[in-house]
Amino acid sequence: MAANEPCWADNPHCVCATGFADLPKGTTAYELYRVISFVMIIDPASDTIVDAEFSFGLQLTRDFTRVLVIGQKTSTLERNIGELVHNRFLSPISGAIVHAVHNACDRYHEWQRASQ
């Protein structure tokens, strides 16, 4: 693995799941983006999120929210994302974040069931 490659680049079993949610009207985020995207890379062998990203405009926001989800198991994240966001990410768009994460987790769990 080259120094600039992500940790999952040499793992052919990792999968990518995405989720989307409409942003609340009246927020700056809505005026700029309308939708939030969430992308996570999962190692199915451990059900662990090894990388993730949200589609925020500001790097600091992307970095903070990314760190909240990396290292989590998808089942744990899906169960706890509401509380995690409520306690750590104080923003009018927190509901959209929760919805986007649930959407991505649902997509991943559908894939898991179909591939068994």
N, C-alpha and C. Protein backbone atom coordinates (compact mmCIF):
# COMPACT_ATOMS: atom_id res chain seq x y z
N MET A 1 0.85 -1.17 0.00
CA MET A 1 0.00 0.00 0.00
C MET A 1 0.89 1.24 0.00
N ALA A 2 0.64 2.17 -0.91
CA ALA A 2 1.39 3.42 -0.98
C ALA A 2 1.02 4.31 0.21
N ALA A 3 1.91 5.23 0.53
CA ALA A 3 1.73 6.08 1.71
C ALA A 3 0.45 6.91 1.64
N ASN A 4 0.01 7.29 0.46
CA ASN A 4 -1.16 8.15 0.36
C ASN A 4 -2.47 7.40 0.10
N GLU A 5 -2.42 6.08 0.06
CA GLU A 5 -3.63 5.30 -0.16
C GLU A 5 -4.39 5.11 1.15
N PRO A 6 -5.71 5.10 1.08
CA PRO A 6 -6.50 4.86 2.30
C PRO A 6 -6.29 3.45 2.82
N CYS A 7 -6.61 3.24 4.08
CA CYS A 7 -6.37 1.95 4.74
C CYS A 7 -7.13 0.79 4.10
N TRP A 8 -8.20 1.07 3.40
CA TRP A 8 -9.01 0.01 2.81
C TRP A 8 -8.61 -0.30 1.37
N ALA A 9 -7.67 0.43 0.82
CA ALA A 9 -7.32 0.28 -0.59
C ALA A 9 -6.82 -1.11 -0.93
N ASP A 10 -6.16 -1.77 0.01
CA ASP A 10 -5.62 -3.10 -0.29
C ASP A 10 -6.52 -4.22 0.24
N ASN A 11 -7.73 -3.90 0.65
CA ASN A 11 -8.67 -4.91 1.13
C ASN A 11 -9.79 -5.07 0.09
N PRO A 12 -9.74 -6.11 -0.72
CA PRO A 12 -10.73 -6.27 -1.79
C PRO A 12 -12.14 -6.62 -1.28
N HIS A 13 -12.27 -6.85 0.02
CA HIS A 13 -13.57 -7.22 0.57
C HIS A 13 -14.37 -6.02 1.08
N CYS A 14 -13.71 -4.87 1.24
CA CYS A 14 -14.42 -3.68 1.72
C CYS A 14 -15.49 -3.26 0.72
N VAL A 15 -16.58 -2.76 1.25
CA VAL A 15 -17.68 -2.28 0.42
C VAL A 15 -18.00 -0.84 0.79
N CYS A 16 -18.61 -0.16 -0.15
CA CYS A 16 -18.98 1.24 0.03
C CYS A 16 -20.50 1.33 0.04
N ALA A 17 -21.05 1.99 1.05
CA ALA A 17 -22.50 2.20 1.14
C ALA A 17 -22.76 3.69 1.29
N THR A 18 -23.80 4.16 0.63
CA THR A 18 -24.11 5.58 0.67
C THR A 18 -25.53 5.81 1.16
N GLY A 19 -25.73 6.98 1.74
CA GLY A 19 -27.05 7.39 2.19
C GLY A 19 -27.23 8.88 1.94
N PHE A 20 -28.46 9.27 1.74
CA PHE A 20 -28.76 10.67 1.42
C PHE A 20 -29.96 11.12 2.24
N ALA A 21 -30.03 12.43 2.48
CA ALA A 21 -31.19 12.99 3.18
C ALA A 21 -31.35 14.44 2.77
N ASP A 22 -32.61 14.87 2.69
CA ASP A 22 -32.90 16.27 2.41
C ASP A 22 -32.53 17.10 3.64
N LEU A 23 -31.92 18.24 3.40
CA LEU A 23 -31.59 19.16 4.47
C LEU A 23 -32.82 19.99 4.83
N PRO A 24 -32.92 20.45 6.07
CA PRO A 24 -34.10 21.24 6.45
C PRO A 24 -34.12 22.60 5.77
N LYS A 25 -35.29 22.94 5.24
CA LYS A 25 -35.46 24.24 4.58
C LYS A 25 -35.23 25.35 5.58
N GLY A 26 -34.69 26.45 5.08
CA GLY A 26 -34.43 27.60 5.93
C GLY A 26 -33.04 27.62 6.53
N THR A 27 -32.28 26.54 6.33
CA THR A 27 -30.90 26.52 6.84
C THR A 27 -29.95 26.92 5.71
N THR A 28 -28.81 27.42 6.09
CA THR A 28 -27.79 27.77 5.10
C THR A 28 -27.39 26.54 4.28
N ALA A 29 -27.28 25.42 4.95
CA ALA A 29 -26.91 24.18 4.26
C ALA A 29 -27.92 23.85 3.16
N TYR A 30 -29.21 24.04 3.46
CA TYR A 30 -30.24 23.78 2.46
C TYR A 30 -30.07 24.70 1.26
N GLU A 31 -29.83 25.97 1.54
CA GLU A 31 -29.67 26.94 0.46
C GLU A 31 -28.47 26.61 -0.43
N LEU A 32 -27.45 26.04 0.15
CA LEU A 32 -26.25 25.71 -0.62
C LEU A 32 -26.30 24.33 -1.27
N TYR A 33 -26.84 23.33 -0.58
CA TYR A 33 -26.69 21.94 -1.03
C TYR A 33 -27.99 21.17 -1.23
N ARG A 34 -29.04 21.49 -0.51
CA ARG A 34 -30.34 20.81 -0.56
C ARG A 34 -30.33 19.39 0.03
N VAL A 35 -29.25 18.65 -0.19
CA VAL A 35 -29.16 17.25 0.23
C VAL A 35 -27.82 17.01 0.90
N ILE A 36 -27.82 16.15 1.92
CA ILE A 36 -26.56 15.72 2.52
C ILE A 36 -26.31 14.29 2.08
N SER A 37 -25.06 14.01 1.78
CA SER A 37 -24.63 12.66 1.40
C SER A 37 -23.75 12.10 2.50
N PHE A 38 -23.85 10.81 2.70
CA PHE A 38 -22.98 10.10 3.64
C PHE A 38 -22.45 8.88 2.92
N VAL A 39 -21.14 8.70 2.96
CA VAL A 39 -20.48 7.57 2.33
C VAL A 39 -19.65 6.87 3.40
N MET A 40 -19.78 5.56 3.47
CA MET A 40 -18.96 4.80 4.42
C MET A 40 -18.36 3.59 3.72
N ILE A 41 -17.13 3.29 4.11
CA ILE A 41 -16.44 2.09 3.64
C ILE A 41 -16.44 1.12 4.82
N ILE A 42 -16.94 -0.08 4.57
CA ILE A 42 -17.09 -1.08 5.64
C ILE A 42 -16.26 -2.31 5.32
N ASP A 43 -15.60 -2.84 6.34
CA ASP A 43 -14.95 -4.14 6.23
C ASP A 43 -15.98 -5.16 6.70
N PRO A 44 -16.57 -5.92 5.78
CA PRO A 44 -17.63 -6.86 6.16
C PRO A 44 -17.17 -7.96 7.11
N ALA A 45 -15.89 -8.28 7.11
CA ALA A 45 -15.40 -9.33 8.01
C ALA A 45 -15.59 -8.95 9.47
N SER A 46 -15.50 -7.66 9.76
CA SER A 46 -15.65 -7.20 11.14
C SER A 46 -16.86 -6.29 11.33
N ASP A 47 -17.57 -5.98 10.22
CA ASP A 47 -18.71 -5.06 10.26
C ASP A 47 -18.29 -3.68 10.76
N THR A 48 -17.05 -3.30 10.51
CA THR A 48 -16.50 -2.05 11.02
C THR A 48 -16.36 -1.01 9.91
N ILE A 49 -16.72 0.21 10.24
CA ILE A 49 -16.56 1.32 9.31
C ILE A 49 -15.10 1.75 9.36
N VAL A 50 -14.41 1.61 8.23
CA VAL A 50 -12.98 1.92 8.19
C VAL A 50 -12.71 3.31 7.61
N ASP A 51 -13.71 3.88 6.95
CA ASP A 51 -13.58 5.24 6.44
C ASP A 51 -14.98 5.77 6.19
N ALA A 52 -15.12 7.09 6.21
CA ALA A 52 -16.44 7.68 6.02
C ALA A 52 -16.28 9.15 5.66
N GLU A 53 -17.35 9.69 5.07
CA GLU A 53 -17.34 11.11 4.75
C GLU A 53 -18.78 11.61 4.59
N PHE A 54 -18.99 12.82 5.05
CA PHE A 54 -20.24 13.54 4.84
C PHE A 54 -19.97 14.67 3.86
N SER A 55 -20.99 15.11 3.16
CA SER A 55 -20.81 16.13 2.11
C SER A 55 -21.01 17.56 2.64
N PHE A 56 -20.32 17.89 3.69
CA PHE A 56 -20.38 19.25 4.22
C PHE A 56 -19.41 20.14 3.46
N GLY A 57 -19.72 21.42 3.40
CA GLY A 57 -18.85 22.37 2.72
C GLY A 57 -17.58 22.70 3.49
N LEU A 58 -17.67 22.71 4.79
CA LEU A 58 -16.51 23.10 5.61
C LEU A 58 -15.71 21.87 6.04
N GLN A 59 -14.42 21.94 5.85
CA GLN A 59 -13.52 20.83 6.17
C GLN A 59 -13.60 20.43 7.64
N LEU A 60 -13.67 21.39 8.53
CA LEU A 60 -13.72 21.07 9.96
C LEU A 60 -14.97 20.25 10.29
N THR A 61 -16.09 20.60 9.69
CA THR A 61 -17.32 19.85 9.91
C THR A 61 -17.18 18.44 9.35
N ARG A 62 -16.61 18.30 8.17
CA ARG A 62 -16.39 16.97 7.58
C ARG A 62 -15.48 16.14 8.47
N ASP A 63 -14.41 16.75 8.97
CA ASP A 63 -13.46 16.02 9.83
C ASP A 63 -14.12 15.56 11.13
N PHE A 64 -14.88 16.46 11.76
CA PHE A 64 -15.50 16.13 13.04
C PHE A 64 -16.51 14.99 12.90
N THR A 65 -17.39 15.09 11.93
CA THR A 65 -18.42 14.06 11.76
C THR A 65 -17.82 12.74 11.29
N ARG A 66 -16.78 12.82 10.51
CA ARG A 66 -16.10 11.62 10.03
C ARG A 66 -15.55 10.81 11.21
N VAL A 67 -14.92 11.51 12.14
CA VAL A 67 -14.33 10.85 13.31
C VAL A 67 -15.40 10.22 14.20
N LEU A 68 -16.60 10.78 14.19
CA LEU A 68 -17.68 10.21 15.00
C LEU A 68 -18.05 8.79 14.57
N VAL A 69 -17.90 8.47 13.29
CA VAL A 69 -18.40 7.19 12.79
C VAL A 69 -17.30 6.16 12.50
N ILE A 70 -16.09 6.59 12.23
CA ILE A 70 -15.02 5.64 11.91
C ILE A 70 -14.71 4.77 13.13
N GLY A 71 -14.58 3.48 12.88
CA GLY A 71 -14.28 2.52 13.93
C GLY A 71 -15.53 1.89 14.54
N GLN A 72 -16.69 2.42 14.22
CA GLN A 72 -17.94 1.88 14.75
C GLN A 72 -18.39 0.67 13.93
N LYS A 73 -19.09 -0.21 14.56
CA LYS A 73 -19.78 -1.30 13.86
C LYS A 73 -21.05 -0.70 13.27
N THR A 74 -21.46 -1.15 12.09
CA THR A 74 -22.65 -0.56 11.46
C THR A 74 -23.89 -0.74 12.32
N SER A 75 -24.04 -1.90 12.93
CA SER A 75 -25.23 -2.14 13.76
C SER A 75 -25.25 -1.21 14.97
N THR A 76 -24.11 -0.96 15.57
CA THR A 76 -24.01 -0.04 16.70
C THR A 76 -24.27 1.38 16.26
N LEU A 77 -23.69 1.76 15.14
CA LEU A 77 -23.88 3.12 14.64
C LEU A 77 -25.35 3.36 14.33
N GLU A 78 -25.97 2.41 13.68
CA GLU A 78 -27.38 2.57 13.31
C GLU A 78 -28.26 2.76 14.56
N ARG A 79 -27.94 2.05 15.60
CA ARG A 79 -28.69 2.14 16.86
C ARG A 79 -28.41 3.44 17.61
N ASN A 80 -27.17 3.94 17.55
CA ASN A 80 -26.75 5.04 18.41
C ASN A 80 -26.53 6.38 17.71
N ILE A 81 -26.72 6.46 16.40
CA ILE A 81 -26.39 7.69 15.70
C ILE A 81 -27.22 8.88 16.18
N GLY A 82 -28.48 8.67 16.50
CA GLY A 82 -29.31 9.77 16.97
C GLY A 82 -28.77 10.39 18.25
N GLU A 83 -28.45 9.57 19.22
CA GLU A 83 -27.90 10.06 20.48
C GLU A 83 -26.52 10.66 20.28
N LEU A 84 -25.70 10.02 19.47
CA LEU A 84 -24.35 10.52 19.21
C LEU A 84 -24.38 11.91 18.59
N VAL A 85 -25.21 12.08 17.58
CA VAL A 85 -25.32 13.39 16.91
C VAL A 85 -25.94 14.42 17.86
N HIS A 86 -26.98 14.01 18.58
CA HIS A 86 -27.64 14.93 19.51
C HIS A 86 -26.67 15.45 20.58
N ASN A 87 -25.78 14.58 21.06
CA ASN A 87 -24.86 14.95 22.13
C ASN A 87 -23.57 15.63 21.65
N ARG A 88 -23.19 15.42 20.39
CA ARG A 88 -21.88 15.89 19.96
C ARG A 88 -21.91 16.87 18.79
N PHE A 89 -22.98 16.87 18.00
CA PHE A 89 -23.03 17.74 16.81
C PHE A 89 -24.25 18.63 16.92
N LEU A 90 -24.06 19.83 17.40
CA LEU A 90 -25.15 20.74 17.71
C LEU A 90 -25.44 21.61 16.50
N SER A 91 -26.42 21.19 15.71
CA SER A 91 -26.70 21.86 14.45
C SER A 91 -28.16 21.62 14.05
N PRO A 92 -28.74 22.57 13.32
CA PRO A 92 -30.12 22.36 12.85
C PRO A 92 -30.24 21.26 11.80
N ILE A 93 -29.12 20.76 11.30
CA ILE A 93 -29.19 19.70 10.28
C ILE A 93 -28.92 18.31 10.87
N SER A 94 -28.90 18.20 12.19
CA SER A 94 -28.57 16.91 12.81
C SER A 94 -29.55 15.81 12.42
N GLY A 95 -30.82 16.14 12.25
CA GLY A 95 -31.79 15.12 11.83
C GLY A 95 -31.48 14.56 10.46
N ALA A 96 -31.01 15.41 9.56
CA ALA A 96 -30.64 14.95 8.22
C ALA A 96 -29.42 14.03 8.28
N ILE A 97 -28.50 14.32 9.17
CA ILE A 97 -27.33 13.45 9.34
C ILE A 97 -27.78 12.06 9.78
N VAL A 98 -28.64 12.03 10.77
CA VAL A 98 -29.15 10.74 11.28
C VAL A 98 -29.84 9.98 10.16
N HIS A 99 -30.67 10.66 9.39
CA HIS A 99 -31.40 10.00 8.31
C HIS A 99 -30.44 9.45 7.25
N ALA A 100 -29.42 10.22 6.87
CA ALA A 100 -28.46 9.77 5.86
C ALA A 100 -27.69 8.54 6.34
N VAL A 101 -27.31 8.53 7.61
CA VAL A 101 -26.59 7.38 8.16
C VAL A 101 -27.50 6.15 8.18
N HIS A 102 -28.73 6.31 8.62
CA HIS A 102 -29.67 5.18 8.61
C HIS A 102 -29.87 4.64 7.19
N ASN A 103 -29.97 5.55 6.25
CA ASN A 103 -30.15 5.16 4.85
C ASN A 103 -28.97 4.32 4.36
N ALA A 104 -27.75 4.75 4.68
CA ALA A 104 -26.56 3.99 4.26
C ALA A 104 -26.47 2.65 4.98
N CYS A 105 -26.77 2.64 6.27
CA CYS A 105 -26.76 1.38 7.03
C CYS A 105 -27.79 0.40 6.48
N ASP A 106 -28.98 0.90 6.18
CA ASP A 106 -30.01 0.04 5.58
C ASP A 106 -29.52 -0.57 4.27
N ARG A 107 -28.90 0.24 3.44
CA ARG A 107 -28.39 -0.24 2.16
C ARG A 107 -27.33 -1.33 2.38
N TYR A 108 -26.45 -1.11 3.33
CA TYR A 108 -25.40 -2.10 3.64
C TYR A 108 -26.01 -3.40 4.17
N HIS A 109 -26.98 -3.30 5.07
CA HIS A 109 -27.59 -4.50 5.64
C HIS A 109 -28.41 -5.27 4.59
N GLU A 110 -29.02 -4.56 3.66
CA GLU A 110 -29.69 -5.23 2.53
C GLU A 110 -28.69 -6.03 1.71
N TRP A 111 -27.53 -5.43 1.45
CA TRP A 111 -26.47 -6.11 0.71
C TRP A 111 -26.00 -7.35 1.47
N GLN A 112 -25.83 -7.21 2.78
CA GLN A 112 -25.40 -8.34 3.61
C GLN A 112 -26.38 -9.50 3.47
N ARG A 113 -27.66 -9.20 3.62
CA ARG A 113 -28.68 -10.27 3.53
C ARG A 113 -28.68 -10.92 2.14
N ALA A 114 -28.53 -10.12 1.10
CA ALA A 114 -28.56 -10.65 -0.26
C ALA A 114 -27.32 -11.48 -0.58
N SER A 115 -26.21 -11.20 0.07
CA SER A 115 -24.97 -11.91 -0.27
C SER A 115 -24.73 -13.13 0.60
N GLN A 116 -25.68 -13.47 1.46
CA GLN A 116 -25.50 -14.66 2.32
C GLN A 116 -26.08 -15.88 1.68
